[in-house]
Protein backbone atom coordinates (compact mmCIF):
# COMPACT_ATOMS: atom_id res chain seq x y z
CA MET A 1 -17.54 22.90 -13.87
CA PRO A 2 -16.22 20.69 -16.70
CA LEU A 3 -14.07 22.51 -19.19
CA SER A 4 -14.39 22.37 -22.95
CA ASP A 5 -11.87 20.26 -24.81
CA PRO A 6 -9.43 22.67 -26.48
CA ARG A 7 -8.52 21.73 -30.04
CA THR A 8 -6.39 22.97 -32.83
CA ASN A 9 -7.07 22.51 -36.52
CA SER A 10 -5.97 19.15 -37.85
CA ASN A 11 -6.33 17.48 -41.20
CA GLU A 12 -6.24 14.08 -39.54
CA PRO A 13 -9.78 12.65 -39.15
CA GLU A 14 -10.76 11.28 -35.77
CA GLN A 15 -11.59 7.60 -35.56
CA LEU A 16 -12.67 7.41 -31.91
CA GLY A 17 -14.34 10.72 -31.08
CA ALA A 18 -12.93 10.53 -27.55
CA PRO A 19 -13.05 13.92 -25.78
CA GLY A 20 -9.67 15.01 -24.50
CA LEU A 21 -7.68 12.59 -26.62
CA TYR A 22 -6.48 15.06 -29.25
CA SER A 23 -5.46 17.54 -26.55
CA TYR A 24 -3.58 14.85 -24.66
CA TRP A 25 -1.73 13.76 -27.80
CA SER A 26 -0.96 17.35 -28.79
CA ARG A 27 0.43 18.31 -25.37
CA THR A 28 2.47 15.11 -25.14
CA MET A 29 3.98 15.65 -28.58
CA ALA A 30 4.82 19.24 -27.69
CA ALA A 31 6.57 18.09 -24.50
CA LEU A 32 8.52 15.42 -26.39
CA ASN A 33 9.64 18.10 -28.84
CA GLY A 34 10.84 20.38 -26.06
CA LYS A 35 7.87 22.73 -26.27
CA GLY A 36 6.03 21.67 -23.13
CA THR A 37 4.93 24.15 -20.49
CA GLY A 38 6.10 22.07 -17.52
CA ASN A 39 3.14 21.79 -15.17
CA ASN A 40 0.16 19.89 -16.55
CA PRO A 41 -3.14 20.93 -14.93
CA GLU A 42 -4.86 18.22 -16.98
CA PHE A 43 -2.81 15.40 -15.41
CA HIS A 44 -5.70 13.76 -13.57
CA ARG A 45 -8.12 13.92 -16.49
CA ASP A 46 -5.38 12.64 -18.78
CA ARG A 47 -4.95 9.51 -16.70
CA LEU A 48 -8.71 8.95 -16.37
CA LEU A 49 -8.94 9.28 -20.16
CA LEU A 50 -6.28 6.62 -20.72
CA HIS A 51 -7.63 4.32 -18.01
CA VAL A 52 -11.18 4.32 -19.38
CA LEU A 53 -9.84 3.67 -22.89
CA GLY A 54 -8.17 0.56 -21.44
CA LEU A 55 -4.60 1.86 -21.71
CA GLY A 56 -1.78 1.72 -19.18
CA LEU A 57 -0.05 5.00 -18.39
CA GLU A 58 3.48 3.63 -18.87
CA GLN A 59 2.38 1.68 -21.92
CA THR A 60 1.01 4.78 -23.61
CA SER A 61 3.83 7.16 -22.71
CA GLN A 62 6.38 4.60 -23.92
CA TYR A 63 4.60 4.19 -27.24
CA LEU A 64 4.36 7.93 -27.79
CA SER A 65 7.98 8.64 -26.87
CA GLN A 66 9.37 5.83 -29.01
CA ASN A 67 7.17 6.32 -32.08
CA ARG A 68 6.21 10.03 -32.13
CA PRO A 69 3.02 9.13 -34.08
CA GLY A 70 0.59 11.42 -35.82
CA PHE A 71 -2.83 11.62 -34.21
CA GLN A 72 -4.47 9.22 -36.64
CA GLU A 73 -1.68 6.72 -36.09
CA PHE A 74 -2.10 7.12 -32.33
CA GLU A 75 -5.82 6.36 -32.57
CA ALA A 76 -5.10 3.30 -34.71
CA TRP A 77 -2.64 2.06 -32.06
CA ILE A 78 -5.30 2.50 -29.36
CA ILE A 79 -7.78 0.40 -31.34
CA GLN A 80 -5.18 -2.27 -31.99
CA THR A 81 -4.04 -2.31 -28.36
CA ALA A 82 -7.25 -1.96 -26.35
CA GLY A 83 -10.08 -2.21 -28.87
CA ARG A 84 -12.54 0.43 -29.99
CA PRO A 85 -14.16 2.18 -27.01
CA SER A 86 -17.84 1.56 -26.42
CA SER A 87 -20.51 4.23 -26.76
CA ASN A 88 -20.79 4.25 -22.95
CA THR A 89 -17.08 5.00 -22.67
CA ILE A 90 -17.35 7.95 -25.05
CA ALA A 91 -20.47 9.18 -23.24
CA ARG A 92 -18.70 9.00 -19.89
CA LEU A 93 -15.81 11.04 -21.27
CA GLN A 94 -18.30 13.57 -22.61
CA ASN A 95 -19.67 13.83 -19.08
CA LEU A 96 -16.15 14.34 -17.71
CA TYR A 97 -15.18 17.04 -20.21
CA PHE A 98 -18.47 18.72 -21.08
CA GLY A 99 -20.88 17.84 -18.26
CA SER A 100 -23.14 15.84 -20.57
CA PRO A 101 -25.57 13.40 -18.90
CA LEU A 102 -24.16 10.05 -17.90
CA PRO A 103 -25.38 7.08 -19.96
CA ASP A 104 -28.16 5.11 -18.29
CA ASP A 105 -26.03 1.98 -17.92
CA VAL A 106 -23.35 3.88 -16.02
CA SER A 107 -25.87 5.65 -13.79
CA SER A 108 -27.52 2.31 -13.06
CA LEU A 109 -24.17 0.78 -12.13
CA PHE A 110 -23.45 3.59 -9.69
CA GLU A 111 -26.90 3.20 -8.16
CA GLN A 112 -26.43 -0.56 -7.86
CA VAL A 113 -23.10 -0.14 -6.08
CA THR A 114 -24.50 2.56 -3.79
CA ASN A 115 -27.37 0.27 -2.73
CA MET A 116 -25.17 -2.80 -2.17
CA PRO A 117 -24.55 -3.98 1.39
CA ASP A 118 -21.32 -2.59 2.78
CA VAL A 119 -18.25 -4.75 2.28
CA PHE A 120 -16.27 -2.97 5.01
CA SER A 121 -17.43 -3.04 8.61
CA GLN A 122 -17.12 -0.09 10.97
CA GLU A 123 -14.05 -1.82 12.42
CA ASP A 124 -12.54 -2.02 8.92
CA LEU A 125 -13.17 1.69 8.36
CA GLN A 126 -11.67 2.54 11.74
CA HIS A 127 -8.58 0.53 10.77
CA TRP A 128 -8.42 2.53 7.52
CA THR A 129 -8.61 5.80 9.43
CA GLU A 130 -5.95 4.84 11.97
CA HIS A 131 -3.56 2.76 9.92
CA GLY A 132 -4.11 4.04 6.38
CA TYR A 133 -4.80 0.64 4.83
CA VAL A 134 -7.54 -1.97 4.80
CA ILE A 135 -7.95 -5.48 3.39
CA LEU A 136 -10.98 -6.57 1.38
CA HIS A 137 -11.11 -10.33 1.69
CA GLU A 138 -12.47 -12.40 -1.20
CA ALA A 139 -12.54 -9.34 -3.44
CA VAL A 140 -12.79 -11.62 -6.47
CA PRO A 141 -13.46 -15.39 -6.75
CA ALA A 142 -10.53 -17.78 -6.53
CA ALA A 143 -11.17 -18.99 -10.09
CA ASP A 144 -10.77 -15.46 -11.46
CA CYS A 145 -7.50 -15.05 -9.53
CA ALA A 146 -6.21 -18.31 -10.97
CA MET A 147 -7.08 -17.23 -14.52
CA ALA A 148 -5.34 -13.88 -14.07
CA ALA A 149 -2.26 -15.57 -12.60
CA ARG A 150 -2.20 -18.03 -15.52
CA THR A 151 -2.30 -15.11 -17.96
CA ILE A 152 0.82 -13.67 -16.32
CA TRP A 153 2.63 -17.02 -16.28
CA ASP A 154 1.88 -17.45 -19.98
CA ALA A 155 2.93 -13.91 -20.89
CA LEU A 156 6.29 -14.47 -19.17
CA GLY A 157 6.81 -17.85 -20.80
CA ALA A 158 7.16 -19.41 -17.36
CA SER A 159 5.46 -22.26 -15.53
CA GLU A 160 4.84 -22.92 -11.87
CA GLU A 161 6.30 -26.42 -12.17
CA ASN A 162 9.58 -25.32 -13.80
CA GLU A 163 11.47 -23.18 -11.29
CA ALA A 164 14.25 -22.43 -13.78
CA SER A 165 11.70 -20.68 -16.02
CA TRP A 166 11.04 -18.08 -13.32
CA TYR A 167 14.48 -16.55 -13.76
CA HIS A 168 15.79 -14.79 -16.84
CA ARG A 169 16.61 -11.25 -17.95
CA GLY A 170 12.97 -10.52 -18.70
CA HIS A 171 12.17 -10.99 -15.03
CA ALA A 172 14.85 -8.62 -13.71
CA ASN A 173 12.24 -6.20 -12.35
CA ILE A 174 9.13 -7.35 -10.53
CA MET A 175 6.83 -5.21 -12.70
CA VAL A 176 5.07 -6.86 -15.62
CA GLN A 177 3.95 -4.42 -18.32
CA LEU A 178 0.77 -6.35 -19.02
CA PHE A 179 -2.46 -4.37 -19.11
CA GLN A 180 -5.05 -5.71 -21.56
CA SER A 181 -6.79 -9.01 -20.83
CA PRO A 182 -10.44 -9.98 -20.36
CA VAL A 183 -9.54 -11.68 -17.06
CA PHE A 184 -7.81 -8.54 -15.76
CA GLU A 185 -10.77 -6.43 -16.83
CA LYS A 186 -13.20 -8.76 -15.08
CA ASN A 187 -11.32 -8.27 -11.81
CA ARG A 188 -11.31 -4.50 -12.29
CA ARG A 189 -15.11 -4.59 -12.69
CA SER A 190 -15.75 -6.58 -9.51
CA LEU A 191 -18.75 -5.10 -7.72
CA ARG A 192 -17.21 -5.94 -4.34
CA ILE A 193 -14.11 -3.97 -5.28
CA HIS A 194 -16.20 -1.08 -6.57
CA LYS A 195 -18.19 -1.03 -3.32
CA ALA A 196 -14.99 -1.08 -1.26
CA PHE A 197 -13.62 2.01 -2.99
CA ALA A 198 -17.06 3.65 -2.86
CA GLN A 199 -17.06 3.31 0.92
CA LEU A 200 -13.62 4.89 1.19
CA TRP A 201 -14.32 7.71 -1.28
CA GLY A 202 -17.92 8.33 -0.22
CA THR A 203 -19.22 7.95 -3.78
CA ALA A 204 -19.73 5.20 -6.36
CA ASP A 205 -18.93 7.64 -9.19
CA LEU A 206 -15.43 6.30 -9.69
CA TRP A 207 -13.10 5.33 -12.53
CA ALA A 208 -11.31 1.98 -12.56
CA THR A 209 -7.64 2.21 -13.45
CA THR A 210 -5.90 0.12 -16.10
CA ASP A 211 -2.84 -0.89 -14.12
CA ARG A 212 -0.06 -3.41 -14.64
CA CYS A 213 0.84 -6.62 -12.80
CA SER A 214 3.79 -7.91 -10.78
CA PHE A 215 5.80 -11.13 -10.61
CA ASN A 216 8.26 -11.14 -7.70
CA VAL A 217 10.41 -14.29 -7.66
CA PRO A 218 12.18 -15.77 -4.61
CA GLU A 219 15.70 -14.51 -4.12
CA LYS A 220 18.57 -16.87 -4.89
CA PRO A 221 22.29 -16.49 -5.63
CA GLY A 222 22.64 -14.34 -8.72
CA HIS A 223 19.10 -13.02 -8.50
CA VAL A 224 18.45 -10.50 -5.75
CA PHE A 225 15.46 -8.26 -5.20
CA GLN A 226 15.68 -5.11 -7.34
CA GLY A 227 12.72 -3.19 -6.01
CA PRO A 228 10.77 -1.08 -5.95
CA ASP A 229 11.50 -0.74 -2.24
CA LEU A 230 9.59 1.69 0.00
CA HIS A 231 8.65 4.87 -1.86
CA TRP A 232 5.85 7.34 -2.54
CA ASP A 233 4.11 7.88 -5.89
CA VAL A 234 2.92 11.36 -4.97
CA SER A 235 4.38 14.77 -4.20
CA LEU A 236 5.20 15.15 -0.52
CA GLN A 237 4.10 18.78 -0.56
CA GLN A 238 1.97 19.13 2.56
CA PRO A 239 -0.72 18.18 3.19
CA VAL A 240 -0.76 15.06 1.01
CA PRO A 241 -4.40 14.72 -0.11
CA LEU A 242 -6.42 11.53 0.05
CA ALA A 243 -5.92 9.13 -2.82
CA THR A 244 -6.04 5.37 -2.85
CA GLN A 245 -3.80 2.65 -4.25
CA GLY A 246 -4.52 -1.05 -4.35
CA VAL A 247 -3.05 -4.49 -5.01
CA LEU A 248 -4.93 -7.74 -5.58
CA TYR A 249 -3.17 -10.94 -4.55
CA LEU A 250 -3.68 -13.53 -7.28
CA THR A 251 -2.07 -16.33 -5.24
CA ASP A 252 -1.72 -16.95 -1.52
CA THR A 253 1.01 -14.57 -0.36
CA PRO A 254 2.37 -14.95 3.18
CA PRO A 255 4.38 -12.00 4.55
CA GLU A 256 7.75 -13.53 3.71
CA GLN A 257 6.79 -14.09 0.06
CA GLY A 258 7.54 -10.54 -1.09
CA ALA A 259 4.27 -9.20 0.27
CA LEU A 260 3.24 -5.57 -0.05
CA THR A 261 5.08 -3.59 2.62
CA LEU A 262 3.74 -0.43 4.24
CA VAL A 263 4.44 1.92 7.13
CA PRO A 264 1.04 1.74 8.88
CA GLY A 265 -0.39 4.99 10.16
CA PHE A 266 2.30 7.16 8.61
CA HIS A 267 -0.32 9.29 6.83
CA GLN A 268 -1.08 10.65 10.31
CA ARG A 269 2.50 11.68 11.03
CA LEU A 270 4.05 12.40 7.64
CA GLY A 271 3.77 16.18 8.04
CA LYS A 272 5.45 16.22 11.46
CA TRP A 273 8.21 13.92 10.21
CA MET A 274 8.84 16.20 7.22
CA ASP A 275 9.03 19.26 9.46
CA GLU A 276 11.61 17.59 11.71
CA LEU A 277 13.97 16.56 8.91
CA PRO A 278 17.15 18.63 8.53
CA GLU A 279 16.78 21.26 5.84
CA SER A 280 19.29 19.51 3.61
CA ALA A 281 17.70 16.06 3.99
CA TYR A 282 15.83 14.58 1.03
CA PRO A 283 12.76 12.73 2.35
CA ARG A 284 12.83 10.01 -0.29
CA GLU A 285 16.42 9.08 0.55
CA GLN A 286 15.77 8.41 4.25
CA ASP A 287 15.65 4.92 5.78
CA LEU A 288 11.91 4.49 5.41
CA HIS A 289 11.96 1.00 6.92
CA ALA A 290 13.13 2.58 10.17
CA LEU A 291 9.76 4.33 10.33
CA GLY A 292 8.09 1.01 11.14
CA SER A 293 7.56 -0.91 7.92
CA MET A 294 5.64 -4.18 7.93
CA PRO A 295 4.60 -6.71 5.27
CA VAL A 296 0.90 -7.25 4.66
CA GLY A 297 0.28 -10.80 3.51
CA GLY A 298 -2.96 -12.17 2.18
CA LYS A 299 -4.86 -14.98 0.50
CA ALA A 300 -5.58 -15.24 -3.20
CA GLY A 301 -8.42 -12.82 -3.87
CA ASP A 302 -7.54 -10.37 -1.08
CA LEU A 303 -7.30 -6.72 -2.11
CA VAL A 304 -5.13 -4.39 -0.02
CA ILE A 305 -6.03 -0.70 -0.36
CA TRP A 306 -3.77 1.97 1.12
CA HIS A 307 -3.60 5.74 1.46
CA GLN A 308 -1.08 7.26 -0.97
CA ALA A 309 0.71 9.04 1.90
CA LEU A 310 2.02 5.71 3.22
CA PRO A 311 5.53 4.66 2.17
CA HIS A 312 4.95 1.40 0.31
CA GLY A 313 6.69 -1.12 -1.88
CA SER A 314 7.41 -4.76 -2.36
CA ARG A 315 10.13 -6.60 -0.44
CA PRO A 316 12.61 -9.43 -1.05
CA ASN A 317 10.78 -12.69 -1.63
CA ARG A 318 12.10 -15.18 0.94
CA GLY A 319 9.34 -17.68 0.21
CA LYS A 320 9.17 -20.62 -2.15
CA LYS A 321 6.84 -19.29 -4.84
CA PRO A 322 6.63 -16.05 -6.86
CA ARG A 323 4.41 -13.29 -5.58
CA ILE A 324 1.86 -12.64 -8.35
CA VAL A 325 -0.43 -9.61 -8.13
CA GLN A 326 -2.62 -7.30 -10.18
CA TYR A 327 -2.72 -3.60 -9.28
CA ILE A 328 -6.27 -2.25 -9.06
CA ASN A 329 -7.44 1.22 -8.06
CA MET A 330 -10.50 3.44 -8.45
CA LEU A 331 -10.48 7.24 -8.48
CA PRO A 332 -13.06 10.05 -8.57
CA SER A 333 -13.41 12.55 -11.40
CA GLN A 334 -11.96 15.36 -9.29
CA LEU A 335 -8.77 14.91 -7.29
CA GLN A 336 -6.50 17.40 -5.56
CA ILE A 337 -2.97 17.24 -6.94
CA HIS A 338 -0.13 19.51 -5.81
CA GLU A 339 1.56 21.37 -8.65
CA THR A 340 4.91 21.36 -6.83
CA TRP A 341 6.75 18.04 -6.74
CA ARG A 342 8.58 17.49 -3.48
């Protein structure tokens, strides 16, 4: 049952009318001022709220921590950064928070995706079950991949033809804090991608994330891979619930070119492995590559989706070109999240 959106009195008028936004801002400001309560039961709805408003999670938390804005200033930043949300966006948030009817356009989209031919075969789904990852080939057209890659090149002030431009202090980490772009949004709205996640989740009623990009350059003297290496983005409290993660290759990426690296099938044996660790051992500090890591290469337009229980990361780029990707994921309105971080 959706909960009401708790509010406190404020003299600052709302510009967006987005359910949950004032509460998110208020709780975040309290935490930044040392008055937080620790556990946040609204974590999942918070991230859906930001994603549907077209905001990156890191982008938003960084802005709030650095600027400590009032609510009206926060709303103005949202409009400047991601644009004013559509009436359908506000209506979908009203459905999330208050159980209001979905707008017709959103319901029609879900119906369209539900009735689409499957994009994963039974063999693909069996691979997902056994190995915890699956590849959607030709998730988006090659032209859309090229446009997204060009947007990243331009944002970094680099060019494919000038190798020296790939390397400078701004490229020290492979992550590119770039979220808003019409070409990125077009990829996020791919019907093939939506159908892929719908098959894995068992529903088309999903929320597309507003994730960042990555630019992983070939290693050379003076510029070595700085990660992220194999890791988890979720609590390891058992059992780790189902949740997906995904990466879209924007250029051809053979395994040696810094491809996504996973430990296939580890979602099936994570619990047993945790139980067998010495009591003093910290799971995240173990040699995760020794568990059987492997790179998963792909062509431009391939989307790799994996179960969040798999150790995953990038790897040193031993190829000749940068690895350029866009992270894309879709999540349901309700998701089990462990309160205890382990």
